[in-house]
Amino acid sequence: MLVLALESSAVTASAALCRDGTVLGEEFVNNGLTHSETLLPMAQALLRGQGLAARDVDAFAVAAGPGSFTGVRIGIAAVKGLAFGAGKPCVGVSTLAAMAACQPAWRGELCCLMDARRSQFYYARFACDGQGNCTRRTPDAAAAGAEIAAALRAAAGPVLCVGDGARAFAAAFGAGLALTLPEGDAVFQRAAGVATLACRAAAAGETVEPARLTPVYLRLPQAERELRAREAAAGR
């Protein structure tokens, strides 16, 4: 089972190839370019490097959310285009669960965090056994940083925080918490995690046709939230 996965949920972008649970390669950029400029070239470079073409892929996967509305939409559109062109199915993976899959050696509490602005974060907590198995402790959710910090105070031992929101969370809400963060770009979400989970899902037959692949948003886009706020203030 060969899976090509894309990750474009935040500021970084990446692509990864996975065959039967083993990641064959990954391309990762954190260069400020738009995801529409980087995703497909990275995917094509990965395939060329393995002597493969899109028609050789069994399923195409993407981090389907939560995350940046624009970033998630770009990733979804790119995967749909690849899958339609190759006549293959798709797998949508939780961005937060994919982050946990990138930390196979961690043993203990893992908190995946994405910056949702205004001191809010998309997050999920996992219990990891250090053998590549992470069990969910919470569903994907959007919450205030103070609320997440209060929940983590009950954790036994250090908490590994990952994701594009990890550094902001640690700086603003980490006082009194035993937090640890990966160094450098290892803190960010990566397509390798998406590919790992998508390989398992595809092997179990858990795929969808490209037309049925949809993003997962945990809250409304900012423009719609502002519109509803104005309508509420106007008494509509």
C-alpha atoms as a PDB file:
ATOM      1  CA  MET A   1       0.000   0.000   0.000  1.00  0.00           C
ATOM      2  CA  LEU A   2       1.649   3.222  -1.216  1.00  0.00           C
ATOM      3  CA  VAL A   3       0.332   6.529   0.145  1.00  0.00           C
ATOM      4  CA  LEU A   4       1.313  10.072  -0.807  1.00  0.00           C
ATOM      5  CA  ALA A   5       0.452  12.570   1.952  1.00  0.00           C
ATOM      6  CA  LEU A   6       0.361  16.372   2.073  1.00  0.00           C
ATOM      7  CA  GLU A   7       0.405  18.686   5.113  1.00  0.00           C
ATOM      8  CA  SER A   8      -0.453  22.374   4.731  1.00  0.00           C
ATOM      9  CA  SER A   9      -2.476  23.175   7.849  1.00  0.00           C
ATOM     10  CA  ALA A  10      -0.274  26.034   9.119  1.00  0.00           C
ATOM     11  CA  VAL A  11       2.821  28.039   8.168  1.00  0.00           C
ATOM     12  CA  THR A  12       4.937  25.043   7.113  1.00  0.00           C
ATOM     13  CA  ALA A  13       4.258  22.642   4.263  1.00  0.00           C
ATOM     14  CA  SER A  14       5.381  19.090   3.646  1.00  0.00           C
ATOM     15  CA  ALA A  15       4.820  15.965   1.577  1.00  0.00           C
ATOM     16  CA  ALA A  16       5.639  12.351   2.412  1.00  0.00           C
ATOM     17  CA  LEU A  17       5.520   8.902   0.846  1.00  0.00           C
ATOM     18  CA  CYS A  18       4.656   5.844   2.926  1.00  0.00           C
ATOM     19  CA  ARG A  19       4.636   2.211   1.850  1.00  0.00           C
ATOM     20  CA  ASP A  20       3.064  -0.383   4.147  1.00  0.00           C
ATOM     21  CA  GLY A  21       3.663   1.753   7.245  1.00  0.00           C
ATOM     22  CA  THR A  22       7.247   2.740   6.421  1.00  0.00           C
ATOM     23  CA  VAL A  23       7.935   6.354   5.458  1.00  0.00           C
ATOM     24  CA  LEU A  24      10.067   6.311   2.302  1.00  0.00           C
ATOM     25  CA  GLY A  25      10.805  10.027   2.189  1.00  0.00           C
ATOM     26  CA  GLU A  26       9.604  13.494   3.123  1.00  0.00           C
ATOM     27  CA  GLU A  27       9.929  17.021   1.763  1.00  0.00           C
ATOM     28  CA  PHE A  28       9.502  19.890   4.253  1.00  0.00           C
ATOM     29  CA  VAL A  29       9.657  23.672   3.824  1.00  0.00           C
ATOM     30  CA  ASN A  30       9.323  26.582   6.212  1.00  0.00           C
ATOM     31  CA  ASN A  31      10.188  29.355   3.807  1.00  0.00           C
ATOM     32  CA  GLY A  32       7.196  31.683   3.817  1.00  0.00           C
ATOM     33  CA  LEU A  33       6.051  30.743   0.317  1.00  0.00           C
ATOM     34  CA  THR A  34       2.392  30.021  -0.216  1.00  0.00           C
ATOM     35  CA  HIS A  35       1.365  26.378  -0.061  1.00  0.00           C
ATOM     36  CA  SER A  36      -0.022  26.604  -3.584  1.00  0.00           C
ATOM     37  CA  GLU A  37       3.584  27.199  -4.714  1.00  0.00           C
ATOM     38  CA  THR A  38       5.205  24.410  -2.741  1.00  0.00           C
ATOM     39  CA  LEU A  39       2.921  21.401  -2.262  1.00  0.00           C
ATOM     40  CA  LEU A  40       2.728  19.931  -5.748  1.00  0.00           C
ATOM     41  CA  PRO A  41       6.430  20.474  -6.568  1.00  0.00           C
ATOM     42  CA  MET A  42       7.356  18.663  -3.338  1.00  0.00           C
ATOM     43  CA  ALA A  43       5.014  15.789  -4.161  1.00  0.00           C
ATOM     44  CA  GLN A  44       6.411  15.497  -7.665  1.00  0.00           C
ATOM     45  CA  ALA A  45       9.994  15.569  -6.361  1.00  0.00           C
ATOM     46  CA  LEU A  46       9.219  12.754  -3.923  1.00  0.00           C
ATOM     47  CA  LEU A  47       7.711  10.583  -6.615  1.00  0.00           C
ATOM     48  CA  ARG A  48      10.589  11.213  -9.054  1.00  0.00           C
ATOM     49  CA  GLY A  49      13.110  10.384  -6.335  1.00  0.00           C
ATOM     50  CA  GLN A  50      11.517   6.967  -5.910  1.00  0.00           C
ATOM     51  CA  GLY A  51      11.108   6.400  -9.641  1.00  0.00           C
ATOM     52  CA  LEU A  52       7.342   6.582  -9.303  1.00  0.00           C
ATOM     53  CA  ALA A  53       4.421   8.460 -10.835  1.00  0.00           C
ATOM     54  CA  ALA A  54       1.062   9.497  -9.424  1.00  0.00           C
ATOM     55  CA  ARG A  55      -0.581   6.466 -11.048  1.00  0.00           C
ATOM     56  CA  ASP A  56       1.581   4.204  -8.834  1.00  0.00           C
ATOM     57  CA  VAL A  57       0.081   5.653  -5.632  1.00  0.00           C
ATOM     58  CA  ASP A  58      -2.686   3.600  -4.021  1.00  0.00           C
ATOM     59  CA  ALA A  59      -4.194   6.475  -2.003  1.00  0.00           C
ATOM     60  CA  PHE A  60      -3.636  10.188  -1.520  1.00  0.00           C
ATOM     61  CA  ALA A  61      -3.823  11.642   1.983  1.00  0.00           C
ATOM     62  CA  VAL A  62      -4.038  15.081   3.544  1.00  0.00           C
ATOM     63  CA  ALA A  63      -4.162  16.765   6.931  1.00  0.00           C
ATOM     64  CA  ALA A  64      -7.853  17.645   6.755  1.00  0.00           C
ATOM     65  CA  GLY A  65      -7.938  19.921   9.792  1.00  0.00           C
ATOM     66  CA  PRO A  66      -8.147  21.622  12.109  1.00  0.00           C
ATOM     67  CA  GLY A  67      -5.840  24.392  10.963  1.00  0.00           C
ATOM     68  CA  SER A  68      -5.587  27.476   8.812  1.00  0.00           C
ATOM     69  CA  PHE A  69      -8.712  27.684   6.675  1.00  0.00           C
ATOM     70  CA  THR A  70      -6.698  28.657   3.614  1.00  0.00           C
ATOM     71  CA  GLY A  71      -3.958  26.108   4.230  1.00  0.00           C
ATOM     72  CA  VAL A  72      -6.360  23.230   4.765  1.00  0.00           C
ATOM     73  CA  ARG A  73      -8.367  24.167   1.664  1.00  0.00           C
ATOM     74  CA  ILE A  74      -5.191  24.231  -0.460  1.00  0.00           C
ATOM     75  CA  GLY A  75      -4.147  20.808   0.801  1.00  0.00           C
ATOM     76  CA  ILE A  76      -7.605  19.335   0.194  1.00  0.00           C
ATOM     77  CA  ALA A  77      -7.742  20.786  -3.322  1.00  0.00           C
ATOM     78  CA  ALA A  78      -4.263  19.496  -4.194  1.00  0.00           C
ATOM     79  CA  VAL A  79      -5.027  15.959  -2.998  1.00  0.00           C
ATOM     80  CA  LYS A  80      -8.377  15.919  -4.787  1.00  0.00           C
ATOM     81  CA  GLY A  81      -6.677  16.966  -8.015  1.00  0.00           C
ATOM     82  CA  LEU A  82      -4.017  14.264  -7.704  1.00  0.00           C
ATOM     83  CA  ALA A  83      -6.568  11.596  -6.790  1.00  0.00           C
ATOM     84  CA  PHE A  84      -9.010  12.517  -9.571  1.00  0.00           C
ATOM     85  CA  GLY A  85      -6.173  12.504 -12.113  1.00  0.00           C
ATOM     86  CA  ALA A  86      -4.870   9.107 -10.991  1.00  0.00           C
ATOM     87  CA  GLY A  87      -8.289   7.570 -10.364  1.00  0.00           C
ATOM     88  CA  LYS A  88      -7.393   6.724  -6.762  1.00  0.00           C
ATOM     89  CA  PRO A  89      -9.100   7.199  -3.362  1.00  0.00           C
ATOM     90  CA  CYS A  90      -8.288   9.676  -0.583  1.00  0.00           C
ATOM     91  CA  VAL A  91      -7.742   9.645   3.163  1.00  0.00           C
ATOM     92  CA  GLY A  92      -8.391  12.653   5.401  1.00  0.00           C
ATOM     93  CA  VAL A  93      -6.369  12.630   8.630  1.00  0.00           C
ATOM     94  CA  SER A  94      -6.730  14.740  11.768  1.00  0.00           C
ATOM     95  CA  THR A  95      -3.936  17.301  11.806  1.00  0.00           C
ATOM     96  CA  LEU A  96      -3.539  16.856  15.553  1.00  0.00           C
ATOM     97  CA  ALA A  97      -3.455  13.053  15.456  1.00  0.00           C
ATOM     98  CA  ALA A  98      -0.835  13.227  12.702  1.00  0.00           C
ATOM     99  CA  MET A  99       1.360  15.365  14.997  1.00  0.00           C
ATOM    100  CA  ALA A 100       1.240  12.635  17.628  1.00  0.00           C
ATOM    101  CA  ALA A 101       2.246  10.045  15.031  1.00  0.00           C
ATOM    102  CA  CYS A 102       5.451  12.044  14.434  1.00  0.00           C
ATOM    103  CA  GLN A 103       6.622  11.372  18.014  1.00  0.00           C
ATOM    104  CA  PRO A 104       6.925   7.545  18.164  1.00  0.00           C
ATOM    105  CA  ALA A 105       9.661   7.525  20.820  1.00  0.00           C
ATOM    106  CA  TRP A 106       7.850   9.732  23.350  1.00  0.00           C
ATOM    107  CA  ARG A 107       6.536   8.038  26.467  1.00  0.00           C
ATOM    108  CA  GLY A 108       3.971   9.934  28.530  1.00  0.00           C
ATOM    109  CA  GLU A 109       1.593  12.860  28.008  1.00  0.00           C
ATOM    110  CA  LEU A 110       1.605  14.510  24.582  1.00  0.00           C
ATOM    111  CA  CYS A 111      -0.277  17.728  23.801  1.00  0.00           C
ATOM    112  CA  CYS A 112      -0.680  18.784  20.167  1.00  0.00           C
ATOM    113  CA  LEU A 113      -1.307  22.496  19.738  1.00  0.00           C
ATOM    114  CA  MET A 114      -2.134  24.791  16.835  1.00  0.00           C
ATOM    115  CA  ASP A 115      -2.380  28.561  17.107  1.00  0.00           C
ATOM    116  CA  ALA A 116      -6.023  29.578  16.597  1.00  0.00           C
ATOM    117  CA  ARG A 117      -5.341  33.260  17.451  1.00  0.00           C
ATOM    118  CA  ARG A 118      -6.558  35.408  20.343  1.00  0.00           C
ATOM    119  CA  SER A 119      -4.997  33.111  22.988  1.00  0.00           C
ATOM    120  CA  GLN A 120      -6.980  30.175  21.631  1.00  0.00           C
ATOM    121  CA  PHE A 121      -5.595  26.887  20.360  1.00  0.00           C
ATOM    122  CA  TYR A 122      -6.745  23.841  18.481  1.00  0.00           C
ATOM    123  CA  TYR A 123      -5.534  20.971  20.612  1.00  0.00           C
ATOM    124  CA  ALA A 124      -5.737  17.289  21.487  1.00  0.00           C
ATOM    125  CA  ARG A 125      -4.031  15.249  24.214  1.00  0.00           C
ATOM    126  CA  PHE A 126      -2.595  11.762  23.831  1.00  0.00           C
ATOM    127  CA  ALA A 127      -1.009   9.128  26.069  1.00  0.00           C
ATOM    128  CA  CYS A 128       2.031   7.627  24.324  1.00  0.00           C
ATOM    129  CA  ASP A 129       3.871   4.403  25.172  1.00  0.00           C
ATOM    130  CA  GLY A 130       7.243   5.102  23.534  1.00  0.00           C
ATOM    131  CA  GLN A 131       6.635   2.309  21.013  1.00  0.00           C
ATOM    132  CA  GLY A 132       4.833   4.382  18.422  1.00  0.00           C
ATOM    133  CA  ASN A 133       1.379   3.974  19.957  1.00  0.00           C
ATOM    134  CA  CYS A 134      -0.518   7.076  21.075  1.00  0.00           C
ATOM    135  CA  THR A 135      -3.982   6.771  22.597  1.00  0.00           C
ATOM    136  CA  ARG A 136      -6.339   9.730  22.506  1.00  0.00           C
ATOM    137  CA  ARG A 137      -7.196  11.336  25.810  1.00  0.00           C
ATOM    138  CA  THR A 138      -9.330  14.112  24.308  1.00  0.00           C
ATOM    139  CA  PRO A 139     -11.061  14.769  20.980  1.00  0.00           C
ATOM    140  CA  ASP A 140      -9.850  17.539  18.694  1.00  0.00           C
ATOM    141  CA  ALA A 141     -11.118  20.815  20.158  1.00  0.00           C
ATOM    142  CA  ALA A 142     -10.660  24.578  20.195  1.00  0.00           C
ATOM    143  CA  ALA A 143     -10.081  26.092  23.645  1.00  0.00           C
ATOM    144  CA  ALA A 144      -8.494  28.998  25.478  1.00  0.00           C
ATOM    145  CA  GLY A 145      -4.858  28.549  26.418  1.00  0.00           C
ATOM    146  CA  ALA A 146      -5.657  29.017  30.109  1.00  0.00           C
ATOM    147  CA  GLU A 147      -8.197  26.191  29.957  1.00  0.00           C
ATOM    148  CA  ILE A 148      -5.678  23.829  28.341  1.00  0.00           C
ATOM    149  CA  ALA A 149      -3.010  24.769  30.891  1.00  0.00           C
ATOM    150  CA  ALA A 150      -5.391  24.036  33.748  1.00  0.00           C
ATOM    151  CA  ALA A 151      -6.062  20.568  32.350  1.00  0.00           C
ATOM    152  CA  LEU A 152      -2.346  19.842  31.889  1.00  0.00           C
ATOM    153  CA  ARG A 153      -1.564  20.652  35.524  1.00  0.00           C
ATOM    154  CA  ALA A 154      -3.029  17.274  36.433  1.00  0.00           C
ATOM    155  CA  ALA A 155      -0.622  15.422  34.116  1.00  0.00           C
ATOM    156  CA  ALA A 156       1.877  13.060  35.734  1.00  0.00           C
ATOM    157  CA  GLY A 157       5.408  13.816  34.561  1.00  0.00           C
ATOM    158  CA  PRO A 158       6.565  16.078  31.739  1.00  0.00           C
ATOM    159  CA  VAL A 159       4.285  16.954  28.835  1.00  0.00           C
ATOM    160  CA  LEU A 160       5.631  17.010  25.293  1.00  0.00           C
ATOM    161  CA  CYS A 161       4.062  19.901  23.351  1.00  0.00           C
ATOM    162  CA  VAL A 162       4.199  19.865  19.560  1.00  0.00           C
ATOM    163  CA  GLY A 163       2.685  21.850  16.718  1.00  0.00           C
ATOM    164  CA  ASP A 164       2.911  25.397  15.386  1.00  0.00           C
ATOM    165  CA  GLY A 165       1.190  26.640  18.555  1.00  0.00           C
ATOM    166  CA  ALA A 166       3.485  24.868  21.027  1.00  0.00           C
ATOM    167  CA  ARG A 167       6.003  27.676  21.481  1.00  0.00           C
ATOM    168  CA  ALA A 168       3.333  30.368  21.863  1.00  0.00           C
ATOM    169  CA  PHE A 169       1.458  28.210  24.371  1.00  0.00           C
ATOM    170  CA  ALA A 170       4.588  27.477  26.425  1.00  0.00           C
ATOM    171  CA  ALA A 171       5.553  31.160  26.491  1.00  0.00           C
ATOM    172  CA  ALA A 172       2.118  32.422  27.518  1.00  0.00           C
ATOM    173  CA  PHE A 173       0.753  29.594  29.675  1.00  0.00           C
ATOM    174  CA  GLY A 174       3.672  27.335  30.580  1.00  0.00           C
ATOM    175  CA  ALA A 175       4.392  28.762  34.048  1.00  0.00           C
ATOM    176  CA  GLY A 176       4.198  25.974  36.590  1.00  0.00           C
ATOM    177  CA  LEU A 177       3.909  23.258  33.934  1.00  0.00           C
ATOM    178  CA  ALA A 178       6.573  20.647  33.137  1.00  0.00           C
ATOM    179  CA  LEU A 179       6.603  21.217  29.386  1.00  0.00           C
ATOM    180  CA  THR A 180       9.158  19.994  26.882  1.00  0.00           C
ATOM    181  CA  LEU A 181       9.310  20.917  23.183  1.00  0.00           C
ATOM    182  CA  PRO A 182      11.207  19.372  20.260  1.00  0.00           C
ATOM    183  CA  GLU A 183      14.048  21.504  18.923  1.00  0.00           C
ATOM    184  CA  GLY A 184      13.985  23.424  15.659  1.00  0.00           C
ATOM    185  CA  ASP A 185      11.552  22.428  12.923  1.00  0.00           C
ATOM    186  CA  ALA A 186      10.815  19.124  14.665  1.00  0.00           C
ATOM    187  CA  VAL A 187       8.153  20.970  16.669  1.00  0.00           C
ATOM    188  CA  PHE A 188       5.985  21.518  13.573  1.00  0.00           C
ATOM    189  CA  GLN A 189       3.350  19.247  12.069  1.00  0.00           C
ATOM    190  CA  ARG A 190       4.717  17.097   9.248  1.00  0.00           C
ATOM    191  CA  ALA A 191       3.375  15.017   6.390  1.00  0.00           C
ATOM    192  CA  ALA A 192       5.215  11.934   7.714  1.00  0.00           C
ATOM    193  CA  GLY A 193       2.633  11.713  10.490  1.00  0.00           C
ATOM    194  CA  VAL A 194      -0.212  12.107   8.002  1.00  0.00           C
ATOM    195  CA  ALA A 195       1.298   9.386   5.810  1.00  0.00           C
ATOM    196  CA  THR A 196       1.765   6.983   8.735  1.00  0.00           C
ATOM    197  CA  LEU A 197      -1.861   7.237   9.846  1.00  0.00           C
ATOM    198  CA  ALA A 198      -3.165   7.225   6.272  1.00  0.00           C
ATOM    199  CA  CYS A 199      -1.254   4.013   5.498  1.00  0.00           C
ATOM    200  CA  ARG A 200      -3.046   2.302   8.377  1.00  0.00           C
ATOM    201  CA  ALA A 201      -6.409   3.697   7.312  1.00  0.00           C
ATOM    202  CA  ALA A 202      -5.960   2.760   3.655  1.00  0.00           C
ATOM    203  CA  ALA A 203      -4.844  -0.773   4.550  1.00  0.00           C
ATOM    204  CA  ALA A 204      -8.070  -1.098   6.569  1.00  0.00           C
ATOM    205  CA  GLY A 205     -10.136   0.128   3.612  1.00  0.00           C
ATOM    206  CA  GLU A 206     -10.927   3.446   5.285  1.00  0.00           C
ATOM    207  CA  THR A 207     -10.743   5.652   2.195  1.00  0.00           C
ATOM    208  CA  VAL A 208     -13.165   7.978   0.419  1.00  0.00           C
ATOM    209  CA  GLU A 209     -13.688   9.024  -3.153  1.00  0.00           C
ATOM    210  CA  PRO A 210     -12.100  12.415  -3.952  1.00  0.00           C
ATOM    211  CA  ALA A 211     -15.478  14.151  -4.154  1.00  0.00           C
ATOM    212  CA  ARG A 212     -16.254  13.107  -0.569  1.00  0.00           C
ATOM    213  CA  LEU A 213     -13.020  14.439   0.939  1.00  0.00           C
ATOM    214  CA  THR A 214     -13.933  17.433   3.099  1.00  0.00           C
ATOM    215  CA  PRO A 215     -12.090  19.716   5.540  1.00  0.00           C
ATOM    216  CA  VAL A 216     -12.710  19.538   9.280  1.00  0.00           C
ATOM    217  CA  TYR A 217     -13.124  22.996  10.843  1.00  0.00           C
ATOM    218  CA  LEU A 218     -13.630  23.293  14.580  1.00  0.00           C
ATOM    219  CA  ARG A 219     -14.942  26.836  14.350  1.00  0.00           C
ATOM    220  CA  LEU A 220     -16.261  29.277  11.765  1.00  0.00           C
ATOM    221  CA  PRO A 221     -13.901  31.348   9.584  1.00  0.00           C
ATOM    222  CA  GLN A 222     -13.026  34.737  11.066  1.00  0.00           C
ATOM    223  CA  ALA A 223     -15.024  36.672   8.476  1.00  0.00           C
ATOM    224  CA  GLU A 224     -18.164  34.701   9.293  1.00  0.00           C
ATOM    225  CA  ARG A 225     -17.590  35.044  13.044  1.00  0.00           C
ATOM    226  CA  GLU A 226     -17.249  38.813  12.668  1.00  0.00           C
ATOM    227  CA  LEU A 227     -20.393  38.984  10.525  1.00  0.00           C
ATOM    228  CA  ARG A 228     -22.418  37.077  13.134  1.00  0.00           C
ATOM    229  CA  ALA A 229     -21.051  39.308  15.875  1.00  0.00           C
ATOM    230  CA  ARG A 230     -22.137  42.427  13.972  1.00  0.00           C
ATOM    231  CA  GLU A 231     -25.575  40.941  13.337  1.00  0.00           C
ATOM    232  CA  ALA A 232     -25.934  40.069  17.016  1.00  0.00           C
ATOM    233  CA  ALA A 233     -24.889  43.577  18.049  1.00  0.00           C
ATOM    234  CA  ALA A 234     -27.446  45.006  15.633  1.00  0.00           C
ATOM    235  CA  GLY A 235     -30.139  42.821  17.187  1.00  0.00           C
ATOM    236  CA  ARG A 236     -30.832  40.752  14.096  1.00  0.00           C
END
